[in-house]
Protein backbone atom coordinates (compact mmCIF):
# COMPACT_ATOMS: atom_id res chain seq x y z
CA MET A 1 12.21 5.01 -45.61
CA ALA A 2 11.76 7.49 -42.77
CA SER A 3 9.02 6.87 -40.22
CA ARG A 4 7.42 8.64 -37.31
CA VAL A 5 8.08 7.40 -33.78
CA VAL A 6 5.05 7.71 -31.51
CA MET A 7 4.58 7.30 -27.77
CA PRO A 8 3.85 3.57 -27.30
CA LYS A 9 1.50 1.98 -24.75
CA LEU A 10 3.98 0.57 -22.23
CA SER A 11 1.52 -0.57 -19.55
CA ASP A 12 -2.04 -1.82 -19.47
CA THR A 13 -3.37 1.41 -17.94
CA MET A 14 -0.99 3.89 -19.57
CA GLU A 15 -2.55 6.88 -21.32
CA GLU A 16 0.51 9.13 -21.53
CA GLY A 17 4.23 8.95 -20.87
CA ARG A 18 6.90 11.38 -19.73
CA ILE A 19 10.23 11.30 -21.58
CA LEU A 20 12.80 11.32 -18.79
CA ARG A 21 15.88 10.93 -20.98
CA TRP A 22 16.67 10.43 -24.64
CA LEU A 23 19.21 7.61 -24.99
CA LYS A 24 19.91 8.57 -28.60
CA LYS A 25 20.46 12.08 -29.93
CA GLU A 26 19.81 13.49 -33.36
CA GLY A 27 22.23 12.01 -35.86
CA ASP A 28 22.80 8.81 -33.89
CA PRO A 29 22.27 5.44 -35.59
CA VAL A 30 19.71 3.14 -33.99
CA GLU A 31 18.78 -0.49 -34.58
CA THR A 32 15.44 -2.19 -34.10
CA GLY A 33 15.12 -3.25 -30.47
CA GLN A 34 17.69 -0.77 -29.17
CA ALA A 35 16.69 1.49 -26.27
CA LEU A 36 15.68 4.87 -27.63
CA ALA A 37 14.48 6.69 -24.51
CA GLU A 38 13.64 6.29 -20.84
CA VAL A 39 9.91 6.86 -20.35
CA GLU A 40 8.01 7.29 -17.10
CA THR A 41 4.61 5.62 -17.30
CA ASP A 42 1.85 5.53 -14.71
CA LYS A 43 3.56 2.49 -13.17
CA ALA A 44 7.31 2.59 -13.68
CA THR A 45 10.25 3.93 -15.64
CA VAL A 46 10.90 1.75 -18.69
CA GLU A 47 13.18 1.83 -21.69
CA MET A 48 11.31 2.48 -24.93
CA GLU A 49 12.74 0.47 -27.80
CA ALA A 50 13.05 1.52 -31.41
CA TYR A 51 10.75 -0.33 -33.79
CA THR A 52 12.80 0.47 -36.88
CA SER A 53 16.45 0.94 -37.82
CA GLY A 54 18.06 4.06 -39.22
CA ILE A 55 19.30 7.46 -38.10
CA VAL A 56 17.56 9.56 -35.45
CA ARG A 57 16.70 12.51 -37.65
CA LYS A 58 14.51 14.55 -35.33
CA LEU A 59 13.51 14.55 -31.66
CA VAL A 60 10.06 16.10 -31.71
CA ALA A 61 9.43 15.84 -27.96
CA SER A 62 11.84 17.14 -25.34
CA GLU A 63 13.09 15.56 -22.15
CA GLY A 64 10.64 16.18 -19.35
CA GLN A 65 7.69 16.39 -21.74
CA THR A 66 4.57 14.30 -21.16
CA VAL A 67 3.00 13.02 -24.36
CA LYS A 68 -0.22 11.11 -24.95
CA ILE A 69 -0.08 7.60 -26.42
CA GLY A 70 0.04 7.63 -30.21
CA HIS A 71 1.42 11.16 -30.53
CA GLN A 72 4.67 11.72 -32.38
CA ILE A 73 7.91 12.09 -30.45
CA ALA A 74 10.66 11.53 -33.06
CA VAL A 75 11.55 10.67 -36.67
CA ILE A 76 13.88 7.86 -37.74
CA GLY A 77 15.12 7.61 -41.33
CA THR A 78 18.17 7.61 -43.55
CA ALA A 79 20.80 10.31 -43.39
CA ASP A 80 19.97 12.08 -46.65
CA GLU A 81 16.22 11.74 -47.18
CA ASP A 82 13.74 14.60 -46.88
CA ILE A 83 11.68 14.22 -43.68
CA SER A 84 9.82 17.53 -43.83
CA ALA A 85 6.53 15.77 -44.62
CA LEU A 86 6.87 13.71 -41.43
CA LEU A 87 7.45 16.63 -39.10
CA PRO A 88 4.44 17.95 -37.18
CA ALA A 89 3.14 21.38 -38.02
CA PRO A 90 3.75 23.89 -35.23
CA SER A 91 0.10 23.77 -34.24
CA SER A 92 -0.07 19.95 -34.23
CA ALA A 93 3.12 19.10 -32.42
CA ALA A 94 2.95 16.43 -29.73
CA PRO A 95 0.80 18.06 -27.03
CA ALA A 96 2.79 18.86 -23.93
CA ILE A 97 0.67 18.13 -20.87
CA GLU A 98 3.62 19.03 -18.71
CA ILE A 99 6.91 20.73 -19.50
CA ALA A 100 9.82 20.60 -17.08
CA ALA A 101 13.33 21.80 -17.83
CA SER A 102 15.86 19.01 -18.00
CA PRO A 103 19.41 18.99 -16.59
CA ASN A 104 20.43 17.47 -19.95
CA PRO A 105 18.38 19.22 -22.65
CA PRO A 106 17.93 17.37 -25.96
CA ALA A 107 19.68 18.41 -29.14
CA VAL A 108 16.55 20.20 -30.28
CA ALA A 109 14.26 21.70 -27.65
CA PRO A 110 11.03 23.60 -28.27
CA ALA A 111 10.99 27.29 -27.56
CA PRO A 112 9.40 28.14 -24.19
CA ARG A 113 5.73 29.00 -24.36
CA GLN A 114 3.83 31.37 -22.13
CA ALA A 115 1.18 28.69 -21.70
CA ASP A 116 3.55 26.30 -19.92
CA PRO A 117 2.79 27.13 -16.24
CA VAL A 118 4.05 23.97 -14.63
CA ALA A 119 7.78 24.62 -14.43
CA SER A 120 10.39 26.95 -15.85
CA SER A 121 14.13 26.77 -16.32
CA ALA A 122 16.84 29.18 -15.34
CA GLU A 123 20.32 29.15 -16.79
CA ALA A 124 23.28 29.34 -14.42
CA GLY A 125 26.93 29.99 -15.20
CA GLY A 126 28.39 27.66 -17.79
CA GLY A 127 25.05 27.12 -19.50
CA HIS A 128 23.80 24.60 -16.91
CA HIS A 129 20.03 24.49 -16.76
CA LEU A 130 18.25 24.55 -13.42
CA LYS A 131 14.63 23.56 -12.85
CA ALA A 132 12.53 26.03 -10.89
CA SER A 133 8.86 26.87 -10.51
CA PRO A 134 7.66 30.27 -11.71
CA LEU A 135 7.04 31.31 -8.12
CA ALA A 136 10.59 30.33 -7.12
CA LEU A 137 12.00 32.25 -10.08
CA ARG A 138 10.08 35.36 -9.10
CA MET A 139 11.09 35.08 -5.44
CA ALA A 140 14.74 34.60 -6.42
CA ALA A 141 14.66 37.63 -8.70
CA GLU A 142 13.06 39.81 -6.03
CA SER A 143 15.39 38.68 -3.25
CA GLY A 144 18.65 38.44 -5.22
CA VAL A 145 19.11 34.72 -4.43
CA ALA A 146 21.42 32.99 -6.93
CA LEU A 147 19.65 29.85 -8.15
CA ALA A 148 22.97 28.14 -8.87
CA GLY A 149 23.56 27.88 -5.13
CA VAL A 150 20.12 26.52 -4.24
CA ARG A 151 19.38 22.80 -3.99
CA GLY A 152 15.91 21.93 -5.25
CA THR A 153 13.71 19.68 -3.12
CA GLY A 154 10.71 19.59 -5.46
CA PRO A 155 9.85 16.84 -7.95
CA GLN A 156 12.95 15.74 -9.92
CA GLY A 157 15.12 18.30 -8.09
CA ARG A 158 13.03 21.30 -9.07
CA ILE A 159 13.61 24.48 -7.05
CA ILE A 160 10.37 25.52 -5.40
CA LYS A 161 9.16 28.13 -2.93
CA ARG A 162 10.47 26.47 0.23
CA ASP A 163 13.99 26.22 -1.25
CA ILE A 164 14.15 29.98 -1.82
CA GLU A 165 12.78 30.59 1.67
CA ALA A 166 15.44 28.26 3.07
CA ALA A 167 18.16 30.11 1.13
CA LEU A 168 16.92 33.42 2.55
CA ALA A 169 17.02 31.95 6.04
CA GLY A 170 20.55 30.65 5.47
CA VAL A 171 19.69 27.00 6.13
CA ALA A 172 19.88 23.83 4.03
CA PRO A 173 16.62 23.27 2.14
CA SER A 174 14.39 20.54 3.51
CA ALA A 175 10.72 19.80 3.86
CA PRO A 176 9.55 22.53 6.25
CA SER A 177 7.71 22.15 9.51
CA SER A 178 4.98 24.65 10.33
CA ALA A 179 7.42 26.51 12.58
CA ASP A 180 10.03 26.63 9.79
CA ALA A 181 7.45 27.97 7.37
CA SER A 182 6.40 30.62 9.88
CA ARG A 183 10.01 31.75 10.43
CA SER A 184 10.68 31.88 6.68
CA ARG A 185 7.54 33.91 6.14
CA SER A 186 8.63 36.33 8.89
CA LEU A 187 11.94 36.83 7.08
CA LEU A 188 10.14 37.62 3.86
CA MET A 189 7.80 40.03 5.61
CA ALA A 190 10.72 41.78 7.32
CA ALA A 191 12.40 42.21 3.95
CA GLY A 192 9.21 43.60 2.44
CA ARG A 193 8.90 40.64 0.11
CA ASP A 194 5.61 39.14 1.27
CA THR A 195 4.13 39.58 -2.20
CA ALA A 196 4.37 35.96 -3.33
CA PRO A 197 1.16 33.94 -3.80
CA GLU A 198 0.05 31.76 -0.91
CA SER A 199 0.40 28.56 -2.94
CA GLU A 200 1.79 27.08 -6.12
CA ASP A 201 0.38 24.42 -8.42
CA ILE A 202 2.34 21.18 -8.69
CA ALA A 203 1.57 19.13 -11.79
CA LEU A 204 0.41 15.56 -11.26
CA SER A 205 2.94 12.93 -12.24
CA PRO A 206 1.72 10.11 -14.51
CA ILE A 207 1.49 7.71 -11.56
CA ARG A 208 -0.45 10.21 -9.43
CA ARG A 209 -2.88 10.86 -12.31
CA THR A 210 -3.53 7.13 -12.59
CA ILE A 211 -4.02 6.75 -8.83
CA ALA A 212 -6.54 9.59 -8.84
CA LYS A 213 -8.47 8.09 -11.74
CA ARG A 214 -8.48 4.48 -10.50
CA LEU A 215 -9.42 5.28 -6.91
CA VAL A 216 -12.40 7.32 -8.05
CA GLN A 217 -13.40 4.32 -10.13
CA SER A 218 -13.04 2.14 -7.05
CA LYS A 219 -14.44 4.12 -4.14
CA GLY A 220 -17.49 5.39 -5.98
CA PRO A 221 -18.81 2.38 -7.94
CA VAL A 222 -17.48 -0.37 -5.64
CA PRO A 223 -19.60 -0.87 -2.49
CA HIS A 224 -16.96 -1.29 0.24
CA PHE A 225 -17.49 -2.76 3.68
CA TYR A 226 -14.83 -3.14 6.36
CA LEU A 227 -13.93 -5.77 8.96
CA THR A 228 -11.27 -5.21 11.63
CA ILE A 229 -9.60 -7.77 13.89
CA ASP A 230 -7.09 -7.41 16.72
CA VAL A 231 -4.46 -10.15 16.45
CA ALA A 232 -2.30 -11.47 19.28
CA MET A 233 1.17 -11.28 17.72
CA ASP A 234 3.21 -12.60 20.69
CA ARG A 235 4.29 -15.80 18.95
CA VAL A 236 5.01 -14.03 15.67
CA TRP A 237 7.05 -11.42 17.56
CA ASP A 238 9.06 -14.12 19.34
CA ALA A 239 9.69 -15.88 16.02
CA TYR A 240 10.70 -12.58 14.40
CA LYS A 241 13.19 -11.80 17.17
CA ALA A 242 14.68 -15.29 16.92
CA LEU A 243 15.05 -14.95 13.15
CA ARG A 244 16.59 -11.52 13.53
CA ASP A 245 19.13 -12.91 16.02
CA GLN A 246 20.10 -15.43 13.34
CA LYS A 247 20.63 -12.56 10.85
CA SER A 248 17.59 -13.58 8.84
CA SER A 249 15.98 -10.92 6.62
CA ILE A 250 12.46 -12.26 7.21
CA SER A 251 10.20 -9.46 8.43
CA ILE A 252 6.83 -9.38 10.14
CA ASN A 253 5.37 -8.17 6.84
CA ASP A 254 6.69 -11.32 5.15
CA ILE A 255 4.92 -13.43 7.77
CA VAL A 256 1.69 -11.47 7.26
CA ILE A 257 1.93 -12.05 3.50
CA LYS A 258 2.39 -15.79 4.00
CA ALA A 259 -0.51 -16.02 6.45
CA THR A 260 -2.77 -14.00 4.16
CA ALA A 261 -1.91 -16.17 1.16
CA LEU A 262 -2.69 -19.36 3.08
CA ALA A 263 -5.99 -17.89 4.30
CA LEU A 264 -6.93 -16.95 0.73
CA ARG A 265 -6.27 -20.52 -0.38
CA GLN A 266 -8.93 -21.63 2.12
CA HIS A 267 -11.34 -18.84 1.17
CA PRO A 268 -11.45 -18.54 -2.64
CA ASP A 269 -14.57 -16.36 -2.34
CA ILE A 270 -12.27 -13.55 -1.15
CA ASN A 271 -9.57 -14.33 -3.73
CA ALA A 272 -11.90 -13.15 -6.46
CA SER A 273 -13.10 -10.25 -8.60
CA PHE A 274 -16.39 -8.86 -9.86
CA ALA A 275 -16.85 -9.35 -13.61
CA GLY A 276 -20.20 -7.76 -14.41
CA ASP A 277 -22.57 -10.71 -14.74
CA HIS A 278 -20.44 -13.17 -12.78
CA VAL A 279 -17.81 -13.46 -10.03
CA LYS A 280 -14.39 -14.76 -11.01
CA GLN A 281 -12.65 -16.89 -8.36
CA PHE A 282 -8.93 -17.34 -8.88
CA THR A 283 -7.13 -20.65 -8.55
CA HIS A 284 -3.76 -18.95 -7.89
CA VAL A 285 -2.92 -16.60 -5.04
CA HIS A 286 -1.03 -13.58 -6.37
CA ILE A 287 -0.46 -10.95 -3.67
CA GLY A 288 -0.07 -7.30 -4.65
CA MET A 289 1.99 -5.48 -2.01
CA ALA A 290 1.65 -1.71 -1.88
CA VAL A 291 5.01 0.09 -2.11
CA ALA A 292 5.17 3.82 -1.42
CA LEU A 293 6.92 6.03 -3.98
CA ASP A 294 7.77 9.72 -3.80
CA ASP A 295 4.71 10.63 -5.84
CA GLY A 296 2.31 7.77 -5.16
CA LEU A 297 2.36 4.01 -4.79
CA ILE A 298 2.54 0.88 -6.87
CA THR A 299 1.70 -2.75 -6.11
CA PRO A 300 4.31 -5.22 -7.37
CA VAL A 301 2.94 -8.75 -7.40
CA LEU A 302 4.24 -11.74 -5.45
CA ARG A 303 2.96 -14.69 -7.48
CA ASP A 304 1.80 -17.97 -5.92
CA ALA A 305 2.61 -16.61 -2.48
CA ASP A 306 0.77 -19.48 -0.80
CA LEU A 307 3.26 -21.99 -2.26
CA LYS A 308 6.48 -20.16 -1.36
CA PRO A 309 8.50 -20.57 1.85
CA LEU A 310 9.11 -17.52 4.03
CA GLU A 311 12.73 -17.20 2.88
CA GLU A 312 11.66 -16.93 -0.75
CA ILE A 313 8.87 -14.49 0.08
CA SER A 314 11.34 -12.32 1.99
CA GLU A 315 13.87 -12.21 -0.85
CA GLU A 316 11.28 -11.64 -3.56
CA THR A 317 9.47 -8.85 -1.69
CA ARG A 318 12.79 -7.08 -1.10
CA VAL A 319 13.78 -7.30 -4.77
CA LEU A 320 10.36 -6.19 -6.00
CA ALA A 321 10.24 -3.27 -3.56
CA ASP A 322 13.71 -2.11 -4.62
CA ARG A 323 12.79 -2.33 -8.31
CA ALA A 324 9.52 -0.48 -7.64
CA ARG A 325 11.29 2.42 -5.90
CA ALA A 326 13.82 2.57 -8.74
CA ARG A 327 10.91 2.62 -11.26
CA LYS A 328 12.35 -0.47 -12.98
CA LEU A 329 9.39 -2.85 -12.72
CA GLN A 330 8.29 -4.65 -15.86
CA PRO A 331 4.53 -4.81 -16.60
CA SER A 332 4.48 -8.51 -15.67
CA GLU A 333 5.76 -7.56 -12.21
CA TYR A 334 2.92 -5.20 -11.29
CA THR A 335 -0.11 -6.72 -13.02
CA GLY A 336 -2.26 -9.75 -12.28
CA ALA A 337 -2.69 -9.50 -8.50
CA THR A 338 -5.70 -11.33 -7.08
CA PHE A 339 -5.56 -9.63 -3.65
CA SER A 340 -3.57 -6.73 -2.19
CA ILE A 341 -1.96 -5.88 1.15
CA SER A 342 -1.14 -2.36 2.34
CA ASN A 343 1.07 -2.25 5.44
CA LEU A 344 1.62 1.09 7.19
CA GLY A 345 2.71 -0.45 10.47
CA MET A 346 6.33 0.51 9.93
CA MET A 347 5.18 4.14 9.88
CA GLY A 348 3.51 3.88 13.27
CA ILE A 349 -0.07 3.66 11.96
CA GLU A 350 -2.13 1.50 14.31
CA GLU A 351 -5.24 1.10 12.16
CA PHE A 352 -6.59 2.26 8.79
CA SER A 353 -8.89 1.22 5.96
CA ALA A 354 -7.57 0.78 2.43
CA ILE A 355 -9.41 1.33 -0.86
CA ILE A 356 -9.85 -1.73 -3.06
CA ASN A 357 -7.68 -1.87 -6.18
CA PRO A 358 -10.04 -2.94 -9.01
CA PRO A 359 -10.70 -5.52 -10.30
CA GLU A 360 -9.68 -7.24 -7.05
CA ALA A 361 -12.47 -7.92 -4.57
CA ALA A 362 -10.59 -7.12 -1.36
CA ILE A 363 -7.53 -5.51 0.23
CA LEU A 364 -5.99 -5.95 3.69
CA ALA A 365 -4.79 -2.90 5.64
CA VAL A 366 -2.15 -3.83 8.24
CA GLY A 367 -1.24 -1.65 11.22
CA SER A 368 1.72 -1.62 13.58
CA VAL A 369 2.58 -4.32 16.10
CA ARG A 370 2.16 -2.61 19.49
CA GLN A 371 3.05 -3.68 23.00
CA VAL A 372 -0.05 -3.09 25.12
CA PRO A 373 -1.53 -4.28 28.41
CA VAL A 374 -3.69 -7.36 27.84
CA VAL A 375 -5.76 -9.54 30.16
CA VAL A 376 -4.87 -13.24 30.18
CA ASP A 377 -6.61 -15.59 32.63
CA GLY A 378 -7.70 -12.64 34.72
CA GLN A 379 -4.18 -11.19 34.91
CA VAL A 380 -2.90 -8.04 33.23
CA ARG A 381 0.38 -8.42 31.40
CA ALA A 382 2.22 -6.94 28.43
CA GLY A 383 1.39 -8.39 25.05
CA TYR A 384 1.89 -7.68 21.34
CA ARG A 385 -1.17 -6.81 19.28
CA MET A 386 -1.79 -5.84 15.65
CA LYS A 387 -4.94 -4.55 14.00
CA ALA A 388 -5.82 -5.54 10.46
CA THR A 389 -8.77 -4.28 8.43
CA LEU A 390 -10.25 -6.06 5.42
CA SER A 391 -11.99 -3.95 2.76
CA VAL A 392 -14.37 -6.08 0.68
CA ASP A 393 -16.40 -5.54 -2.48
CA HIS A 394 -19.95 -6.32 -1.30
CA ARG A 395 -20.89 -7.42 -4.83
CA VAL A 396 -18.45 -10.33 -4.48
CA ALA A 397 -18.72 -11.38 -0.84
CA ASP A 398 -20.75 -10.59 2.25
CA GLY A 399 -19.87 -9.94 5.88
CA ALA A 400 -19.91 -13.57 6.94
CA SER A 401 -17.51 -14.60 4.16
CA GLY A 402 -15.14 -11.80 5.07
CA ALA A 403 -15.35 -12.64 8.76
CA ARG A 404 -14.49 -16.29 8.13
CA PHE A 405 -11.44 -15.23 6.13
CA MET A 406 -10.32 -12.93 8.93
CA GLN A 407 -10.77 -15.68 11.49
CA THR A 408 -8.51 -17.94 9.45
CA LEU A 409 -5.92 -15.20 9.06
CA LYS A 410 -6.01 -14.55 12.80
CA ARG A 411 -5.53 -18.26 13.51
CA PHE A 412 -2.45 -18.47 11.27
CA LEU A 413 -0.86 -15.38 12.84
CA GLU A 414 -1.61 -16.42 16.41
CA HIS A 415 -0.35 -19.96 15.75
CA PRO A 416 2.45 -19.48 13.18
CA LEU A 417 3.47 -23.15 13.31
CA LEU A 418 0.27 -23.86 11.36
CA MET A 419 1.96 -22.15 8.38
CA ALA A 420 4.84 -24.63 8.33
């Protein structure tokens, strides 16, 4: 018997999913448990499995379409049965929050609608579909730029305004500097084409929507306070250089994770969360490590980090970060953190404050290790220093509790042999 396929809930916070690629086309057989489509959730890209066997009779949603949980995306049935009763009426089709043209359009794609302002497609020679924003399409038409020769630098390779400007300037498209933008604008003005709008709207990806929603839930309701320490990292730096000389992959971030996990073991009041009428203190130390993505960030979880040696922490963080950037994390790999670390030191940021990721009670923001003049025994010499800032939920802990945790963390980092 034919059945509707709906967008499933593939993560704990998922409200909608974007179909990146259908793995089965209309007319293909499919078995229960087989991968039916690749879906981008608010956390990762996952394979959606079929929950019934049969023939893929109809793909209701197209590649690139974002569909809310529970809304129909396909029909699976037998080859000869009537499925007309299972197809959505034109007015009740799966609502498209975002439509983007796909390089590999599905067997059945919905006709373009005037109400889809997010992205449009243009067809090049040979029937190949290109993704381009409406503004880019208009600029290309006005300037005579052939879209087939333009490389898109927008989300998922979409051609956007700066790519057309770069094509007009005769340079390879890249993220523009202010000077580049000024020169491109001058070219357009000289050609009498300065009629384009000053901006274009870029649709939020599922992960960016979730970040926006969760951070509002955090920064508003959660009463943050912040504690910053300046850590002498000379011994950690020496250890890092020695490990690097031995071709070890252990990084300073790995050492910070280990020190933080050991400090949390000694201060369970920080390894906690607010639960309405009580505070929950965790017996395990699961560290969420923020990993930057093109359109946001995600925090894969290093479980029982206080019990793992540095070599294991190094390998696991590398694997998790790679899987996060490839959008291949499983829900069990990005849920259940008891504390998070955000490290922007590798980007040259000396100091910053991070926003708590609910329901966790705290997050550590780690800056760069800098060589600076320091005073030791009345003498000025070069030394390595790192600033770290703890953001704490004041409903869970107070300033003294946070300060004691930071003192312990500082002691571990300034005397790394204590972590052995």
